[in-house]
Amino acid sequence: MEPQYLRRKTAGIYLRNKYGFGSEKSLAKLASVGGGPEFRKAGSAALYEPSKLDEWAVSKIGKPRRSTSDLSRT
């Protein structure tokens, strides 16, 4: 099965709906400075695979915590 690609705006909506964070602007910034999800270019369009967005988003989510004091015990 061939991968489905999302344009940056749709990728931002996908992340926001599924994980509660991410936006078109944040993806554009990360594409420029690094640290964002893997993407491809088709002309001027940035294209993202949903599976790569998922991998990236999950890597940004911390471990489960029971209180804010757990943050100091990493």
PDB file of N, CA and C in Angstrom:
ATOM      1  N   MET A   1       0.838  -1.178   0.000  1.00  0.00           N
ATOM      2  CA  MET A   1       0.000   0.000   0.000  1.00  0.00           C
ATOM      3  C   MET A   1       0.889   1.250   0.000  1.00  0.00           C
ATOM      4  N   GLU A   2       0.585   2.171  -0.867  1.00  0.00           N
ATOM      5  CA  GLU A   2       1.374   3.399  -0.959  1.00  0.00           C
ATOM      6  C   GLU A   2       1.028   4.336   0.193  1.00  0.00           C
ATOM      7  N   PRO A   3       2.033   5.058   0.694  1.00  0.00           N
ATOM      8  CA  PRO A   3       1.759   5.965   1.815  1.00  0.00           C
ATOM      9  C   PRO A   3       0.853   7.119   1.404  1.00  0.00           C
ATOM     10  N   GLN A   4       0.065   7.582   2.344  1.00  0.00           N
ATOM     11  CA  GLN A   4      -0.772   8.759   2.160  1.00  0.00           C
ATOM     12  C   GLN A   4       0.041   9.950   2.658  1.00  0.00           C
ATOM     13  N   TYR A   5      -0.011  11.044   1.966  1.00  0.00           N
ATOM     14  CA  TYR A   5       0.726  12.231   2.377  1.00  0.00           C
ATOM     15  C   TYR A   5      -0.240  13.350   2.736  1.00  0.00           C
ATOM     16  N   LEU A   6       0.112  14.093   3.764  1.00  0.00           N
ATOM     17  CA  LEU A   6      -0.671  15.244   4.191  1.00  0.00           C
ATOM     18  C   LEU A   6       0.153  16.506   3.970  1.00  0.00           C
ATOM     19  N   ARG A   7      -0.480  17.535   3.435  1.00  0.00           N
ATOM     20  CA  ARG A   7       0.191  18.831   3.346  1.00  0.00           C
ATOM     21  C   ARG A   7       0.331  19.406   4.753  1.00  0.00           C
ATOM     22  N   ARG A   8       1.182  20.395   4.890  1.00  0.00           N
ATOM     23  CA  ARG A   8       1.525  20.906   6.221  1.00  0.00           C
ATOM     24  C   ARG A   8       0.298  21.367   7.016  1.00  0.00           C
ATOM     25  N   LYS A   9      -0.618  22.081   6.386  1.00  0.00           N
ATOM     26  CA  LYS A   9      -1.806  22.560   7.105  1.00  0.00           C
ATOM     27  C   LYS A   9      -2.616  21.381   7.638  1.00  0.00           C
ATOM     28  N   THR A  10      -2.845  20.380   6.792  1.00  0.00           N
ATOM     29  CA  THR A  10      -3.609  19.199   7.196  1.00  0.00           C
ATOM     30  C   THR A  10      -2.851  18.392   8.238  1.00  0.00           C
ATOM     31  N   ALA A  11      -1.524  18.341   8.120  1.00  0.00           N
ATOM     32  CA  ALA A  11      -0.701  17.627   9.103  1.00  0.00           C
ATOM     33  C   ALA A  11      -0.819  18.287  10.475  1.00  0.00           C
ATOM     34  N   GLY A  12      -0.851  19.611  10.513  1.00  0.00           N
ATOM     35  CA  GLY A  12      -1.029  20.325  11.772  1.00  0.00           C
ATOM     36  C   GLY A  12      -2.381  20.025  12.406  1.00  0.00           C
ATOM     37  N   ILE A  13      -3.423  19.981  11.585  1.00  0.00           N
ATOM     38  CA  ILE A  13      -4.766  19.646  12.074  1.00  0.00           C
ATOM     39  C   ILE A  13      -4.786  18.212  12.590  1.00  0.00           C
ATOM     40  N   TYR A  14      -4.150  17.317  11.860  1.00  0.00           N
ATOM     41  CA  TYR A  14      -4.064  15.906  12.262  1.00  0.00           C
ATOM     42  C   TYR A  14      -3.423  15.785  13.648  1.00  0.00           C
ATOM     43  N   LEU A  15      -2.283  16.443  13.839  1.00  0.00           N
ATOM     44  CA  LEU A  15      -1.594  16.389  15.133  1.00  0.00           C
ATOM     45  C   LEU A  15      -2.449  16.979  16.250  1.00  0.00           C
ATOM     46  N   ARG A  16      -3.059  18.123  15.990  1.00  0.00           N
ATOM     47  CA  ARG A  16      -3.876  18.796  17.006  1.00  0.00           C
ATOM     48  C   ARG A  16      -5.054  17.910  17.407  1.00  0.00           C
ATOM     49  N   ASN A  17      -5.725  17.303  16.423  1.00  0.00           N
ATOM     50  CA  ASN A  17      -6.892  16.465  16.712  1.00  0.00           C
ATOM     51  C   ASN A  17      -6.519  15.173  17.425  1.00  0.00           C
ATOM     52  N   LYS A  18      -5.395  14.581  17.047  1.00  0.00           N
ATOM     53  CA  LYS A  18      -5.024  13.278  17.604  1.00  0.00           C
ATOM     54  C   LYS A  18      -4.247  13.389  18.913  1.00  0.00           C
ATOM     55  N   TYR A  19      -3.372  14.402  19.037  1.00  0.00           N
ATOM     56  CA  TYR A  19      -2.478  14.487  20.196  1.00  0.00           C
ATOM     57  C   TYR A  19      -2.667  15.745  21.044  1.00  0.00           C
ATOM     58  N   GLY A  20      -3.395  16.716  20.540  1.00  0.00           N
ATOM     59  CA  GLY A  20      -3.628  17.930  21.315  1.00  0.00           C
ATOM     60  C   GLY A  20      -2.554  18.988  21.171  1.00  0.00           C
ATOM     61  N   PHE A  21      -1.591  18.789  20.296  1.00  0.00           N
ATOM     62  CA  PHE A  21      -0.561  19.801  20.044  1.00  0.00           C
ATOM     63  C   PHE A  21      -0.107  19.705  18.593  1.00  0.00           C
ATOM     64  N   GLY A  22       0.548  20.771  18.157  1.00  0.00           N
ATOM     65  CA  GLY A  22       1.036  20.836  16.783  1.00  0.00           C
ATOM     66  C   GLY A  22       0.198  21.805  15.965  1.00  0.00           C
ATOM     67  N   SER A  23       0.835  22.429  14.994  1.00  0.00           N
ATOM     68  CA  SER A  23       0.140  23.362  14.109  1.00  0.00           C
ATOM     69  C   SER A  23       0.936  23.495  12.821  1.00  0.00           C
ATOM     70  N   GLU A  24       0.303  24.083  11.832  1.00  0.00           N
ATOM     71  CA  GLU A  24       0.982  24.346  10.567  1.00  0.00           C
ATOM     72  C   GLU A  24       2.225  25.205  10.804  1.00  0.00           C
ATOM     73  N   LYS A  25       2.091  26.230  11.633  1.00  0.00           N
ATOM     74  CA  LYS A  25       3.215  27.136  11.898  1.00  0.00           C
ATOM     75  C   LYS A  25       4.349  26.437  12.637  1.00  0.00           C
ATOM     76  N   SER A  26       4.006  25.605  13.613  1.00  0.00           N
ATOM     77  CA  SER A  26       5.075  24.913  14.352  1.00  0.00           C
ATOM     78  C   SER A  26       5.793  23.918  13.448  1.00  0.00           C
ATOM     79  N   LEU A  27       5.065  23.256  12.558  1.00  0.00           N
ATOM     80  CA  LEU A  27       5.709  22.331  11.618  1.00  0.00           C
ATOM     81  C   LEU A  27       6.632  23.087  10.661  1.00  0.00           C
ATOM     82  N   ALA A  28       6.203  24.261  10.207  1.00  0.00           N
ATOM     83  CA  ALA A  28       7.041  25.071   9.318  1.00  0.00           C
ATOM     84  C   ALA A  28       8.320  25.503  10.034  1.00  0.00           C
ATOM     85  N   LYS A  29       8.188  25.947  11.271  1.00  0.00           N
ATOM     86  CA  LYS A  29       9.358  26.374  12.057  1.00  0.00           C
ATOM     87  C   LYS A  29      10.324  25.208  12.256  1.00  0.00           C
ATOM     88  N   LEU A  30       9.788  24.041  12.645  1.00  0.00           N
ATOM     89  CA  LEU A  30      10.640  22.880  12.883  1.00  0.00           C
ATOM     90  C   LEU A  30      11.283  22.373  11.596  1.00  0.00           C
ATOM     91  N   ALA A  31      10.602  22.526  10.472  1.00  0.00           N
ATOM     92  CA  ALA A  31      11.196  22.131   9.194  1.00  0.00           C
ATOM     93  C   ALA A  31      12.403  23.011   8.881  1.00  0.00           C
ATOM     94  N   SER A  32      12.371  24.242   9.365  1.00  0.00           N
ATOM     95  CA  SER A  32      13.462  25.180   9.132  1.00  0.00           C
ATOM     96  C   SER A  32      14.630  24.976  10.094  1.00  0.00           C
ATOM     97  N   VAL A  33      14.326  24.821  11.377  1.00  0.00           N
ATOM     98  CA  VAL A  33      15.388  24.753  12.385  1.00  0.00           C
ATOM     99  C   VAL A  33      15.759  23.334  12.793  1.00  0.00           C
ATOM    100  N   GLY A  34      14.914  22.371  12.461  1.00  0.00           N
ATOM    101  CA  GLY A  34      15.162  20.977  12.829  1.00  0.00           C
ATOM    102  C   GLY A  34      14.375  20.571  14.059  1.00  0.00           C
ATOM    103  N   GLY A  35      14.260  19.269  14.246  1.00  0.00           N
ATOM    104  CA  GLY A  35      13.573  18.738  15.413  1.00  0.00           C
ATOM    105  C   GLY A  35      12.141  18.325  15.170  1.00  0.00           C
ATOM    106  N   GLY A  36      11.661  18.518  13.962  1.00  0.00           N
ATOM    107  CA  GLY A  36      10.285  18.145  13.650  1.00  0.00           C
ATOM    108  C   GLY A  36      10.191  16.771  13.019  1.00  0.00           C
ATOM    109  N   PRO A  37       8.993  16.404  12.619  1.00  0.00           N
ATOM    110  CA  PRO A  37       8.800  15.105  11.977  1.00  0.00           C
ATOM    111  C   PRO A  37       9.409  15.082  10.577  1.00  0.00           C
ATOM    112  N   GLU A  38       9.720  13.891  10.128  1.00  0.00           N
ATOM    113  CA  GLU A  38      10.257  13.689   8.784  1.00  0.00           C
ATOM    114  C   GLU A  38       9.209  14.118   7.752  1.00  0.00           C
ATOM    115  N   PHE A  39       9.664  14.764   6.679  1.00  0.00           N
ATOM    116  CA  PHE A  39       8.745  15.173   5.616  1.00  0.00           C
ATOM    117  C   PHE A  39       9.443  15.077   4.270  1.00  0.00           C
ATOM    118  N   ARG A  40       8.660  15.179   3.223  1.00  0.00           N
ATOM    119  CA  ARG A  40       9.180  15.189   1.853  1.00  0.00           C
ATOM    120  C   ARG A  40       8.738  16.480   1.188  1.00  0.00           C
ATOM    121  N   LYS A  41       9.404  16.830   0.113  1.00  0.00           N
ATOM    122  CA  LYS A  41       9.021  18.008  -0.660  1.00  0.00           C
ATOM    123  C   LYS A  41       8.532  17.571  -2.033  1.00  0.00           C
ATOM    124  N   ALA A  42       7.467  18.201  -2.486  1.00  0.00           N
ATOM    125  CA  ALA A  42       6.961  18.051  -3.847  1.00  0.00           C
ATOM    126  C   ALA A  42       6.768  19.475  -4.358  1.00  0.00           C
ATOM    127  N   GLY A  43       7.747  19.957  -5.092  1.00  0.00           N
ATOM    128  CA  GLY A  43       7.735  21.364  -5.462  1.00  0.00           C
ATOM    129  C   GLY A  43       7.914  22.192  -4.201  1.00  0.00           C
ATOM    130  N   SER A  44       6.990  23.107  -3.960  1.00  0.00           N
ATOM    131  CA  SER A  44       7.084  23.935  -2.754  1.00  0.00           C
ATOM    132  C   SER A  44       6.301  23.352  -1.574  1.00  0.00           C
ATOM    133  N   ALA A  45       5.585  22.265  -1.800  1.00  0.00           N
ATOM    134  CA  ALA A  45       4.749  21.678  -0.743  1.00  0.00           C
ATOM    135  C   ALA A  45       5.542  20.706   0.124  1.00  0.00           C
ATOM    136  N   ALA A  46       5.384  20.842   1.434  1.00  0.00           N
ATOM    137  CA  ALA A  46       5.928  19.864   2.381  1.00  0.00           C
ATOM    138  C   ALA A  46       4.856  18.805   2.588  1.00  0.00           C
ATOM    139  N   LEU A  47       5.258  17.544   2.503  1.00  0.00           N
ATOM    140  CA  LEU A  47       4.320  16.430   2.633  1.00  0.00           C
ATOM    141  C   LEU A  47       4.743  15.527   3.778  1.00  0.00           C
ATOM    142  N   TYR A  48       3.791  15.166   4.614  1.00  0.00           N
ATOM    143  CA  TYR A  48       4.041  14.357   5.803  1.00  0.00           C
ATOM    144  C   TYR A  48       3.250  13.059   5.731  1.00  0.00           C
ATOM    145  N   GLU A  49       3.890  11.961   6.108  1.00  0.00           N
ATOM    146  CA  GLU A  49       3.188  10.686   6.246  1.00  0.00           C
ATOM    147  C   GLU A  49       2.588  10.637   7.648  1.00  0.00           C
ATOM    148  N   PRO A  50       1.326  10.241   7.785  1.00  0.00           N
ATOM    149  CA  PRO A  50       0.730  10.148   9.117  1.00  0.00           C
ATOM    150  C   PRO A  50       1.542   9.278  10.079  1.00  0.00           C
ATOM    151  N   SER A  51       2.122   8.194   9.595  1.00  0.00           N
ATOM    152  CA  SER A  51       2.906   7.320  10.485  1.00  0.00           C
ATOM    153  C   SER A  51       4.126   8.052  11.042  1.00  0.00           C
ATOM    154  N   LYS A  52       4.747   8.918  10.244  1.00  0.00           N
ATOM    155  CA  LYS A  52       5.903   9.698  10.715  1.00  0.00           C
ATOM    156  C   LYS A  52       5.461  10.777  11.704  1.00  0.00           C
ATOM    157  N   LEU A  53       4.289  11.363  11.466  1.00  0.00           N
ATOM    158  CA  LEU A  53       3.742  12.332  12.419  1.00  0.00           C
ATOM    159  C   LEU A  53       3.468  11.653  13.758  1.00  0.00           C
ATOM    160  N   ASP A  54       2.902  10.442  13.701  1.00  0.00           N
ATOM    161  CA  ASP A  54       2.619   9.687  14.928  1.00  0.00           C
ATOM    162  C   ASP A  54       3.904   9.376  15.687  1.00  0.00           C
ATOM    163  N   GLU A  55       4.925   8.890  14.982  1.00  0.00           N
ATOM    164  CA  GLU A  55       6.207   8.568  15.628  1.00  0.00           C
ATOM    165  C   GLU A  55       6.781   9.795  16.327  1.00  0.00           C
ATOM    166  N   TRP A  56       6.769  10.913  15.637  1.00  0.00           N
ATOM    167  CA  TRP A  56       7.321  12.144  16.191  1.00  0.00           C
ATOM    168  C   TRP A  56       6.522  12.604  17.410  1.00  0.00           C
ATOM    169  N   ALA A  57       5.195  12.615  17.287  1.00  0.00           N
ATOM    170  CA  ALA A  57       4.346  13.082  18.386  1.00  0.00           C
ATOM    171  C   ALA A  57       4.526  12.216  19.627  1.00  0.00           C
ATOM    172  N   VAL A  58       4.553  10.911  19.448  1.00  0.00           N
ATOM    173  CA  VAL A  58       4.719  10.002  20.585  1.00  0.00           C
ATOM    174  C   VAL A  58       6.074  10.231  21.256  1.00  0.00           C
ATOM    175  N   SER A  59       7.104  10.543  20.456  1.00  0.00           N
ATOM    176  CA  SER A  59       8.435  10.788  21.032  1.00  0.00           C
ATOM    177  C   SER A  59       8.469  12.067  21.870  1.00  0.00           C
ATOM    178  N   LYS A  60       7.530  12.972  21.647  1.00  0.00           N
ATOM    179  CA  LYS A  60       7.472  14.239  22.388  1.00  0.00           C
ATOM    180  C   LYS A  60       6.647  14.147  23.666  1.00  0.00           C
ATOM    181  N   ILE A  61       5.883  13.074  23.812  1.00  0.00           N
ATOM    182  CA  ILE A  61       5.019  12.918  24.979  1.00  0.00           C
ATOM    183  C   ILE A  61       5.812  12.252  26.096  1.00  0.00           C
ATOM    184  N   GLY A  62       5.792  12.854  27.257  1.00  0.00           N
ATOM    185  CA  GLY A  62       6.546  12.334  28.398  1.00  0.00           C
ATOM    186  C   GLY A  62       5.920  11.089  29.001  1.00  0.00           C
ATOM    187  N   LYS A  63       6.634  10.548  29.967  1.00  0.00           N
ATOM    188  CA  LYS A  63       6.161   9.367  30.688  1.00  0.00           C
ATOM    189  C   LYS A  63       4.990   9.746  31.595  1.00  0.00           C
ATOM    190  N   PRO A  64       4.157   8.771  31.950  1.00  0.00           N
ATOM    191  CA  PRO A  64       3.039   9.053  32.857  1.00  0.00           C
ATOM    192  C   PRO A  64       3.536   9.542  34.222  1.00  0.00           C
ATOM    193  N   ARG A  65       2.820  10.469  34.812  1.00  0.00           N
ATOM    194  CA  ARG A  65       3.164  11.041  36.113  1.00  0.00           C
ATOM    195  C   ARG A  65       1.926  11.020  37.002  1.00  0.00           C
ATOM    196  N   ARG A  66       2.145  10.937  38.291  1.00  0.00           N
ATOM    197  CA  ARG A  66       1.034  10.997  39.248  1.00  0.00           C
ATOM    198  C   ARG A  66       0.937  12.372  39.908  1.00  0.00           C
ATOM    199  N   SER A  67       2.019  13.151  39.844  1.00  0.00           N
ATOM    200  CA  SER A  67       1.990  14.505  40.397  1.00  0.00           C
ATOM    201  C   SER A  67       3.077  15.331  39.729  1.00  0.00           C
ATOM    202  N   THR A  68       3.002  16.645  39.907  1.00  0.00           N
ATOM    203  CA  THR A  68       4.022  17.515  39.326  1.00  0.00           C
ATOM    204  C   THR A  68       5.378  17.313  39.977  1.00  0.00           C
ATOM    205  N   SER A  69       5.407  16.818  41.210  1.00  0.00           N
ATOM    206  CA  SER A  69       6.695  16.569  41.866  1.00  0.00           C
ATOM    207  C   SER A  69       7.441  15.410  41.216  1.00  0.00           C
ATOM    208  N   ASP A  70       6.731  14.559  40.475  1.00  0.00           N
ATOM    209  CA  ASP A  70       7.387  13.471  39.750  1.00  0.00           C
ATOM    210  C   ASP A  70       8.338  14.004  38.685  1.00  0.00           C
ATOM    211  N   LEU A  71       8.147  15.230  38.246  1.00  0.00           N
ATOM    212  CA  LEU A  71       8.972  15.807  37.186  1.00  0.00           C
ATOM    213  C   LEU A  71      10.435  15.887  37.574  1.00  0.00           C
ATOM    214  N   SER A  72      10.718  16.087  38.849  1.00  0.00           N
ATOM    215  CA  SER A  72      12.110  16.217  39.280  1.00  0.00           C
ATOM    216  C   SER A  72      12.803  14.870  39.420  1.00  0.00           C
ATOM    217  N   ARG A  73      12.076  13.798  39.357  1.00  0.00           N
ATOM    218  CA  ARG A  73      12.651  12.455  39.514  1.00  0.00           C
ATOM    219  C   ARG A  73      12.671  11.717  38.185  1.00  0.00           C
ATOM    220  N   THR A  74      13.489  12.163  37.256  1.00  0.00           N
ATOM    221  CA  THR A  74      13.545  11.518  35.938  1.00  0.00           C
ATOM    222  C   THR A  74      14.576  10.433  35.883  1.00  0.00           C
TER     223      THR A  74
END
